[in-house]
Amino acid sequence: MPADVYMIYKISESLKILKQYENAIELGERLRLRRKQNINNLINLAECYISIGQYDRGKTILTDVLNIEPNNNLALDILERISV
């Protein structure tokens, strides 16, 4: 099971790099159902939503990250960039 979670995340991350955001989001959301507190997945998912212009959804997910890790610098940096 942990290997499945890791593979889903890595595929989603790879799809983001390939700019296949919708596919990356689909896998990221599946993983989110399994592991709601997987920070790496949440950040990847937020970045994908932001990349397709769904800023509110991205902000919501980044807020989830900050509820888990209040000092997560990456989440704070992304929020700062999109709030300008």
PDB file of N, CA and C in Angstrom:
ATOM      1  N   MET A   1       0.813  -1.211   0.000  1.00  0.00           N
ATOM      2  CA  MET A   1       0.000   0.000   0.000  1.00  0.00           C
ATOM      3  C   MET A   1       0.849   1.264   0.000  1.00  0.00           C
ATOM      4  N   PRO A   2       1.863   1.399   0.857  1.00  0.00           N
ATOM      5  CA  PRO A   2       2.689   2.607   0.807  1.00  0.00           C
ATOM      6  C   PRO A   2       3.371   2.809  -0.554  1.00  0.00           C
ATOM      7  N   ALA A   3       3.741   1.715  -1.209  1.00  0.00           N
ATOM      8  CA  ALA A   3       4.355   1.834  -2.535  1.00  0.00           C
ATOM      9  C   ALA A   3       3.346   2.391  -3.533  1.00  0.00           C
ATOM     10  N   ASP A   4       2.079   1.981  -3.412  1.00  0.00           N
ATOM     11  CA  ASP A   4       1.035   2.506  -4.296  1.00  0.00           C
ATOM     12  C   ASP A   4       0.871   4.009  -4.107  1.00  0.00           C
ATOM     13  N   VAL A   5       0.854   4.442  -2.871  1.00  0.00           N
ATOM     14  CA  VAL A   5       0.719   5.869  -2.564  1.00  0.00           C
ATOM     15  C   VAL A   5       1.886   6.643  -3.173  1.00  0.00           C
ATOM     16  N   TYR A   6       3.076   6.128  -2.994  1.00  0.00           N
ATOM     17  CA  TYR A   6       4.267   6.793  -3.531  1.00  0.00           C
ATOM     18  C   TYR A   6       4.198   6.867  -5.057  1.00  0.00           C
ATOM     19  N   MET A   7       3.805   5.786  -5.692  1.00  0.00           N
ATOM     20  CA  MET A   7       3.741   5.764  -7.160  1.00  0.00           C
ATOM     21  C   MET A   7       2.681   6.724  -7.692  1.00  0.00           C
ATOM     22  N   ILE A   8       1.533   6.763  -7.036  1.00  0.00           N
ATOM     23  CA  ILE A   8       0.488   7.705  -7.472  1.00  0.00           C
ATOM     24  C   ILE A   8       1.013   9.131  -7.379  1.00  0.00           C
ATOM     25  N   TYR A   9       1.678   9.436  -6.280  1.00  0.00           N
ATOM     26  CA  TYR A   9       2.232  10.788  -6.120  1.00  0.00           C
ATOM     27  C   TYR A   9       3.259  11.088  -7.209  1.00  0.00           C
ATOM     28  N   LYS A  10       4.188  10.163  -7.448  1.00  0.00           N
ATOM     29  CA  LYS A  10       5.247  10.405  -8.442  1.00  0.00           C
ATOM     30  C   LYS A  10       4.671  10.563  -9.845  1.00  0.00           C
ATOM     31  N   ILE A  11       3.649   9.793 -10.177  1.00  0.00           N
ATOM     32  CA  ILE A  11       3.024   9.932 -11.491  1.00  0.00           C
ATOM     33  C   ILE A  11       2.327  11.283 -11.593  1.00  0.00           C
ATOM     34  N   SER A  12       1.621  11.675 -10.547  1.00  0.00           N
ATOM     35  CA  SER A  12       0.960  12.979 -10.547  1.00  0.00           C
ATOM     36  C   SER A  12       1.989  14.106 -10.696  1.00  0.00           C
ATOM     37  N   GLU A  13       3.074  13.995  -9.960  1.00  0.00           N
ATOM     38  CA  GLU A  13       4.137  14.996 -10.047  1.00  0.00           C
ATOM     39  C   GLU A  13       4.727  15.047 -11.460  1.00  0.00           C
ATOM     40  N   SER A  14       4.926  13.891 -12.071  1.00  0.00           N
ATOM     41  CA  SER A  14       5.461  13.823 -13.432  1.00  0.00           C
ATOM     42  C   SER A  14       4.492  14.439 -14.434  1.00  0.00           C
ATOM     43  N   LEU A  15       3.206  14.169 -14.252  1.00  0.00           N
ATOM     44  CA  LEU A  15       2.204  14.752 -15.145  1.00  0.00           C
ATOM     45  C   LEU A  15       2.194  16.274 -15.035  1.00  0.00           C
ATOM     46  N   LYS A  16       2.406  16.777 -13.832  1.00  0.00           N
ATOM     47  CA  LYS A  16       2.480  18.237 -13.656  1.00  0.00           C
ATOM     48  C   LYS A  16       3.657  18.800 -14.446  1.00  0.00           C
ATOM     49  N   ILE A  17       4.796  18.132 -14.364  1.00  0.00           N
ATOM     50  CA  ILE A  17       5.984  18.574 -15.097  1.00  0.00           C
ATOM     51  C   ILE A  17       5.711  18.578 -16.601  1.00  0.00           C
ATOM     52  N   LEU A  18       4.934  17.597 -17.069  1.00  0.00           N
ATOM     53  CA  LEU A  18       4.573  17.511 -18.483  1.00  0.00           C
ATOM     54  C   LEU A  18       3.421  18.449 -18.851  1.00  0.00           C
ATOM     55  N   LYS A  19       2.956  19.229 -17.879  1.00  0.00           N
ATOM     56  CA  LYS A  19       1.859  20.187 -18.051  1.00  0.00           C
ATOM     57  C   LYS A  19       0.540  19.511 -18.398  1.00  0.00           C
ATOM     58  N   GLN A  20       0.389  18.278 -17.941  1.00  0.00           N
ATOM     59  CA  GLN A  20      -0.878  17.559 -18.075  1.00  0.00           C
ATOM     60  C   GLN A  20      -1.621  17.708 -16.744  1.00  0.00           C
ATOM     61  N   TYR A  21      -2.008  18.956 -16.494  1.00  0.00           N
ATOM     62  CA  TYR A  21      -2.529  19.324 -15.183  1.00  0.00           C
ATOM     63  C   TYR A  21      -3.801  18.584 -14.788  1.00  0.00           C
ATOM     64  N   GLU A  22      -4.721  18.416 -15.730  1.00  0.00           N
ATOM     65  CA  GLU A  22      -5.982  17.751 -15.387  1.00  0.00           C
ATOM     66  C   GLU A  22      -5.732  16.314 -14.936  1.00  0.00           C
ATOM     67  N   ASN A  23      -4.847  15.604 -15.642  1.00  0.00           N
ATOM     68  CA  ASN A  23      -4.520  14.229 -15.250  1.00  0.00           C
ATOM     69  C   ASN A  23      -3.787  14.207 -13.913  1.00  0.00           C
ATOM     70  N   ALA A  24      -2.905  15.164 -13.706  1.00  0.00           N
ATOM     71  CA  ALA A  24      -2.183  15.254 -12.436  1.00  0.00           C
ATOM     72  C   ALA A  24      -3.158  15.515 -11.288  1.00  0.00           C
ATOM     73  N   ILE A  25      -4.142  16.370 -11.530  1.00  0.00           N
ATOM     74  CA  ILE A  25      -5.158  16.677 -10.517  1.00  0.00           C
ATOM     75  C   ILE A  25      -5.982  15.437 -10.187  1.00  0.00           C
ATOM     76  N   GLU A  26      -6.376  14.706 -11.215  1.00  0.00           N
ATOM     77  CA  GLU A  26      -7.176  13.497 -10.981  1.00  0.00           C
ATOM     78  C   GLU A  26      -6.445  12.519 -10.052  1.00  0.00           C
ATOM     79  N   LEU A  27      -5.176  12.271 -10.333  1.00  0.00           N
ATOM     80  CA  LEU A  27      -4.409  11.363  -9.476  1.00  0.00           C
ATOM     81  C   LEU A  27      -4.166  11.968  -8.097  1.00  0.00           C
ATOM     82  N   GLY A  28      -3.876  13.269  -8.068  1.00  0.00           N
ATOM     83  CA  GLY A  28      -3.650  13.938  -6.786  1.00  0.00           C
ATOM     84  C   GLY A  28      -4.883  13.893  -5.894  1.00  0.00           C
ATOM     85  N   GLU A  29      -6.047  14.051  -6.483  1.00  0.00           N
ATOM     86  CA  GLU A  29      -7.283  13.989  -5.699  1.00  0.00           C
ATOM     87  C   GLU A  29      -7.543  12.566  -5.200  1.00  0.00           C
ATOM     88  N   ARG A  30      -7.217  11.573  -6.024  1.00  0.00           N
ATOM     89  CA  ARG A  30      -7.350  10.182  -5.579  1.00  0.00           C
ATOM     90  C   ARG A  30      -6.456   9.917  -4.372  1.00  0.00           C
ATOM     91  N   LEU A  31      -5.223  10.409  -4.481  1.00  0.00           N
ATOM     92  CA  LEU A  31      -4.285  10.229  -3.374  1.00  0.00           C
ATOM     93  C   LEU A  31      -4.751  10.991  -2.137  1.00  0.00           C
ATOM     94  N   ARG A  32      -5.320  12.159  -2.364  1.00  0.00           N
ATOM     95  CA  ARG A  32      -5.818  12.960  -1.238  1.00  0.00           C
ATOM     96  C   ARG A  32      -6.894  12.213  -0.456  1.00  0.00           C
ATOM     97  N   LEU A  33      -7.707  11.425  -1.142  1.00  0.00           N
ATOM     98  CA  LEU A  33      -8.720  10.615  -0.462  1.00  0.00           C
ATOM     99  C   LEU A  33      -8.076   9.558   0.434  1.00  0.00           C
ATOM    100  N   ARG A  34      -6.937   9.028   0.000  1.00  0.00           N
ATOM    101  CA  ARG A  34      -6.231   7.993   0.771  1.00  0.00           C
ATOM    102  C   ARG A  34      -5.378   8.574   1.890  1.00  0.00           C
ATOM    103  N   ARG A  35      -4.723   9.684   1.591  1.00  0.00           N
ATOM    104  CA  ARG A  35      -3.769  10.283   2.537  1.00  0.00           C
ATOM    105  C   ARG A  35      -4.015  11.792   2.594  1.00  0.00           C
ATOM    106  N   LYS A  36      -4.989  12.180   3.389  1.00  0.00           N
ATOM    107  CA  LYS A  36      -5.397  13.594   3.461  1.00  0.00           C
ATOM    108  C   LYS A  36      -4.285  14.524   3.922  1.00  0.00           C
ATOM    109  N   GLN A  37      -3.298  14.001   4.633  1.00  0.00           N
ATOM    110  CA  GLN A  37      -2.254  14.859   5.191  1.00  0.00           C
ATOM    111  C   GLN A  37      -0.906  14.688   4.502  1.00  0.00           C
ATOM    112  N   ASN A  38      -0.904  14.187   3.279  1.00  0.00           N
ATOM    113  CA  ASN A  38       0.338  14.054   2.528  1.00  0.00           C
ATOM    114  C   ASN A  38       0.703  15.430   1.969  1.00  0.00           C
ATOM    115  N   ILE A  39       1.629  16.100   2.644  1.00  0.00           N
ATOM    116  CA  ILE A  39       1.985  17.484   2.316  1.00  0.00           C
ATOM    117  C   ILE A  39       2.479  17.622   0.881  1.00  0.00           C
ATOM    118  N   ASN A  40       3.360  16.733   0.454  1.00  0.00           N
ATOM    119  CA  ASN A  40       3.898  16.824  -0.905  1.00  0.00           C
ATOM    120  C   ASN A  40       2.788  16.745  -1.942  1.00  0.00           C
ATOM    121  N   ASN A  41       1.851  15.836  -1.738  1.00  0.00           N
ATOM    122  CA  ASN A  41       0.745  15.718  -2.675  1.00  0.00           C
ATOM    123  C   ASN A  41      -0.124  16.970  -2.658  1.00  0.00           C
ATOM    124  N   LEU A  42      -0.407  17.483  -1.469  1.00  0.00           N
ATOM    125  CA  LEU A  42      -1.254  18.676  -1.377  1.00  0.00           C
ATOM    126  C   LEU A  42      -0.623  19.866  -2.092  1.00  0.00           C
ATOM    127  N   ILE A  43       0.665  20.043  -1.931  1.00  0.00           N
ATOM    128  CA  ILE A  43       1.337  21.157  -2.600  1.00  0.00           C
ATOM    129  C   ILE A  43       1.341  20.948  -4.114  1.00  0.00           C
ATOM    130  N   ASN A  44       1.626  19.734  -4.542  1.00  0.00           N
ATOM    131  CA  ASN A  44       1.592  19.420  -5.972  1.00  0.00           C
ATOM    132  C   ASN A  44       0.200  19.687  -6.542  1.00  0.00           C
ATOM    133  N   LEU A  45      -0.811  19.254  -5.823  1.00  0.00           N
ATOM    134  CA  LEU A  45      -2.196  19.444  -6.245  1.00  0.00           C
ATOM    135  C   LEU A  45      -2.544  20.931  -6.327  1.00  0.00           C
ATOM    136  N   ALA A  46      -2.159  21.682  -5.321  1.00  0.00           N
ATOM    137  CA  ALA A  46      -2.420  23.126  -5.324  1.00  0.00           C
ATOM    138  C   ALA A  46      -1.745  23.800  -6.511  1.00  0.00           C
ATOM    139  N   GLU A  47      -0.501  23.428  -6.782  1.00  0.00           N
ATOM    140  CA  GLU A  47       0.216  24.019  -7.917  1.00  0.00           C
ATOM    141  C   GLU A  47      -0.470  23.692  -9.236  1.00  0.00           C
ATOM    142  N   CYS A  48      -1.018  22.492  -9.350  1.00  0.00           N
ATOM    143  CA  CYS A  48      -1.740  22.121 -10.574  1.00  0.00           C
ATOM    144  C   CYS A  48      -3.001  22.965 -10.737  1.00  0.00           C
ATOM    145  N   TYR A  49      -3.756  23.108  -9.663  1.00  0.00           N
ATOM    146  CA  TYR A  49      -4.963  23.935  -9.743  1.00  0.00           C
ATOM    147  C   TYR A  49      -4.611  25.379 -10.102  1.00  0.00           C
ATOM    148  N   ILE A  50      -3.571  25.900  -9.516  1.00  0.00           N
ATOM    149  CA  ILE A  50      -3.147  27.269  -9.818  1.00  0.00           C
ATOM    150  C   ILE A  50      -2.728  27.383 -11.278  1.00  0.00           C
ATOM    151  N   SER A  51      -2.061  26.365 -11.782  1.00  0.00           N
ATOM    152  CA  SER A  51      -1.597  26.377 -13.172  1.00  0.00           C
ATOM    153  C   SER A  51      -2.734  26.425 -14.176  1.00  0.00           C
ATOM    154  N   ILE A  52      -3.908  25.900 -13.800  1.00  0.00           N
ATOM    155  CA  ILE A  52      -5.046  25.960 -14.719  1.00  0.00           C
ATOM    156  C   ILE A  52      -5.992  27.109 -14.375  1.00  0.00           C
ATOM    157  N   GLY A  53      -5.546  27.987 -13.484  1.00  0.00           N
ATOM    158  CA  GLY A  53      -6.313  29.185 -13.172  1.00  0.00           C
ATOM    159  C   GLY A  53      -7.350  29.025 -12.078  1.00  0.00           C
ATOM    160  N   GLN A  54      -7.371  27.885 -11.408  1.00  0.00           N
ATOM    161  CA  GLN A  54      -8.319  27.679 -10.311  1.00  0.00           C
ATOM    162  C   GLN A  54      -7.648  28.089  -8.995  1.00  0.00           C
ATOM    163  N   TYR A  55      -7.441  29.398  -8.869  1.00  0.00           N
ATOM    164  CA  TYR A  55      -6.702  29.950  -7.734  1.00  0.00           C
ATOM    165  C   TYR A  55      -7.394  29.688  -6.395  1.00  0.00           C
ATOM    166  N   ASP A  56      -8.703  29.801  -6.375  1.00  0.00           N
ATOM    167  CA  ASP A  56      -9.416  29.579  -5.111  1.00  0.00           C
ATOM    168  C   ASP A  56      -9.235  28.154  -4.607  1.00  0.00           C
ATOM    169  N   ARG A  57      -9.302  27.195  -5.525  1.00  0.00           N
ATOM    170  CA  ARG A  57      -9.103  25.791  -5.130  1.00  0.00           C
ATOM    171  C   ARG A  57      -7.669  25.587  -4.648  1.00  0.00           C
ATOM    172  N   GLY A  58      -6.713  26.186  -5.359  1.00  0.00           N
ATOM    173  CA  GLY A  58      -5.314  26.101  -4.946  1.00  0.00           C
ATOM    174  C   GLY A  58      -5.099  26.692  -3.568  1.00  0.00           C
ATOM    175  N   LYS A  59      -5.705  27.857  -3.321  1.00  0.00           N
ATOM    176  CA  LYS A  59      -5.576  28.500  -2.003  1.00  0.00           C
ATOM    177  C   LYS A  59      -6.179  27.642  -0.903  1.00  0.00           C
ATOM    178  N   THR A  60      -7.316  27.027  -1.190  1.00  0.00           N
ATOM    179  CA  THR A  60      -7.961  26.160  -0.197  1.00  0.00           C
ATOM    180  C   THR A  60      -7.044  25.004   0.191  1.00  0.00           C
ATOM    181  N   ILE A  61      -6.420  24.395  -0.791  1.00  0.00           N
ATOM    182  CA  ILE A  61      -5.530  23.265  -0.519  1.00  0.00           C
ATOM    183  C   ILE A  61      -4.287  23.736   0.227  1.00  0.00           C
ATOM    184  N   LEU A  62      -3.756  24.897  -0.143  1.00  0.00           N
ATOM    185  CA  LEU A  62      -2.588  25.429   0.573  1.00  0.00           C
ATOM    186  C   LEU A  62      -2.951  25.755   2.027  1.00  0.00           C
ATOM    187  N   THR A  63      -4.170  26.202   2.252  1.00  0.00           N
ATOM    188  CA  THR A  63      -4.633  26.439   3.616  1.00  0.00           C
ATOM    189  C   THR A  63      -4.676  25.132   4.397  1.00  0.00           C
ATOM    190  N   ASP A  64      -5.075  24.057   3.719  1.00  0.00           N
ATOM    191  CA  ASP A  64      -5.044  22.730   4.359  1.00  0.00           C
ATOM    192  C   ASP A  64      -3.619  22.365   4.770  1.00  0.00           C
ATOM    193  N   VAL A  65      -2.661  22.659   3.890  1.00  0.00           N
ATOM    194  CA  VAL A  65      -1.250  22.394   4.207  1.00  0.00           C
ATOM    195  C   VAL A  65      -0.859  23.168   5.464  1.00  0.00           C
ATOM    196  N   LEU A  66      -1.214  24.437   5.510  1.00  0.00           N
ATOM    197  CA  LEU A  66      -0.828  25.275   6.649  1.00  0.00           C
ATOM    198  C   LEU A  66      -1.553  24.887   7.939  1.00  0.00           C
ATOM    199  N   ASN A  67      -2.710  24.263   7.827  1.00  0.00           N
ATOM    200  CA  ASN A  67      -3.377  23.738   9.019  1.00  0.00           C
ATOM    201  C   ASN A  67      -2.614  22.542   9.592  1.00  0.00           C
ATOM    202  N   ILE A  68      -1.939  21.807   8.712  1.00  0.00           N
ATOM    203  CA  ILE A  68      -1.143  20.652   9.144  1.00  0.00           C
ATOM    204  C   ILE A  68       0.245  21.103   9.586  1.00  0.00           C
ATOM    205  N   GLU A  69       0.867  21.977   8.769  1.00  0.00           N
ATOM    206  CA  GLU A  69       2.210  22.496   9.040  1.00  0.00           C
ATOM    207  C   GLU A  69       2.183  24.021   8.921  1.00  0.00           C
ATOM    208  N   PRO A  70       1.891  24.732  10.003  1.00  0.00           N
ATOM    209  CA  PRO A  70       1.715  26.185   9.953  1.00  0.00           C
ATOM    210  C   PRO A  70       2.913  26.959   9.396  1.00  0.00           C
ATOM    211  N   ASN A  71       4.102  26.409   9.493  1.00  0.00           N
ATOM    212  CA  ASN A  71       5.284  27.126   9.015  1.00  0.00           C
ATOM    213  C   ASN A  71       5.847  26.548   7.726  1.00  0.00           C
ATOM    214  N   ASN A  72       5.015  25.911   6.927  1.00  0.00           N
ATOM    215  CA  ASN A  72       5.494  25.329   5.671  1.00  0.00           C
ATOM    216  C   ASN A  72       5.853  26.462   4.711  1.00  0.00           C
ATOM    217  N   ASN A  73       7.156  26.646   4.524  1.00  0.00           N
ATOM    218  CA  ASN A  73       7.640  27.770   3.725  1.00  0.00           C
ATOM    219  C   ASN A  73       7.191  27.717   2.275  1.00  0.00           C
ATOM    220  N   LEU A  74       7.136  26.528   1.691  1.00  0.00           N
ATOM    221  CA  LEU A  74       6.720  26.419   0.295  1.00  0.00           C
ATOM    222  C   LEU A  74       5.268  26.858   0.133  1.00  0.00           C
ATOM    223  N   ALA A  75       4.398  26.394   1.003  1.00  0.00           N
ATOM    224  CA  ALA A  75       2.993  26.795   0.930  1.00  0.00           C
ATOM    225  C   ALA A  75       2.842  28.301   1.140  1.00  0.00           C
ATOM    226  N   LEU A  76       3.587  28.831   2.095  1.00  0.00           N
ATOM    227  CA  LEU A  76       3.538  30.277   2.343  1.00  0.00           C
ATOM    228  C   LEU A  76       4.048  31.080   1.139  1.00  0.00           C
ATOM    229  N   ASP A  77       5.113  30.601   0.517  1.00  0.00           N
ATOM    230  CA  ASP A  77       5.653  31.288  -0.674  1.00  0.00           C
ATOM    231  C   ASP A  77       4.668  31.267  -1.831  1.00  0.00           C
ATOM    232  N   ILE A  78       4.049  30.128  -2.062  1.00  0.00           N
ATOM    233  CA  ILE A  78       3.078  30.030  -3.168  1.00  0.00           C
ATOM    234  C   ILE A  78       1.893  30.943  -2.910  1.00  0.00           C
ATOM    235  N   LEU A  79       1.381  30.930  -1.687  1.00  0.00           N
ATOM    236  CA  LEU A  79       0.261  31.825  -1.357  1.00  0.00           C
ATOM    237  C   LEU A  79       0.628  33.281  -1.553  1.00  0.00           C
ATOM    238  N   GLU A  80       1.831  33.634  -1.162  1.00  0.00           N
ATOM    239  CA  GLU A  80       2.282  35.023  -1.326  1.00  0.00           C
ATOM    240  C   GLU A  80       2.346  35.390  -2.809  1.00  0.00           C
ATOM    241  N   ARG A  81       2.861  34.485  -3.629  1.00  0.00           N
ATOM    242  CA  ARG A  81       2.983  34.757  -5.074  1.00  0.00           C
ATOM    243  C   ARG A  81       1.635  34.941  -5.740  1.00  0.00           C
ATOM    244  N   ILE A  82       0.642  34.142  -5.350  1.00  0.00           N
ATOM    245  CA  ILE A  82      -0.658  34.236  -6.045  1.00  0.00           C
ATOM    246  C   ILE A  82      -1.564  35.291  -5.428  1.00  0.00           C
ATOM    247  N   SER A  83      -1.191  35.839  -4.299  1.00  0.00           N
ATOM    248  CA  SER A  83      -2.006  36.863  -3.655  1.00  0.00           C
ATOM    249  C   SER A  83      -1.656  38.264  -4.112  1.00  0.00           C
ATOM    250  N   VAL A  84      -0.643  38.377  -4.941  1.00  0.00           N
ATOM    251  CA  VAL A  84      -0.197  39.695  -5.406  1.00  0.00           C
ATOM    252  C   VAL A  84      -1.134  40.241  -6.451  1.00  0.00           C
TER     253      VAL A  84
END
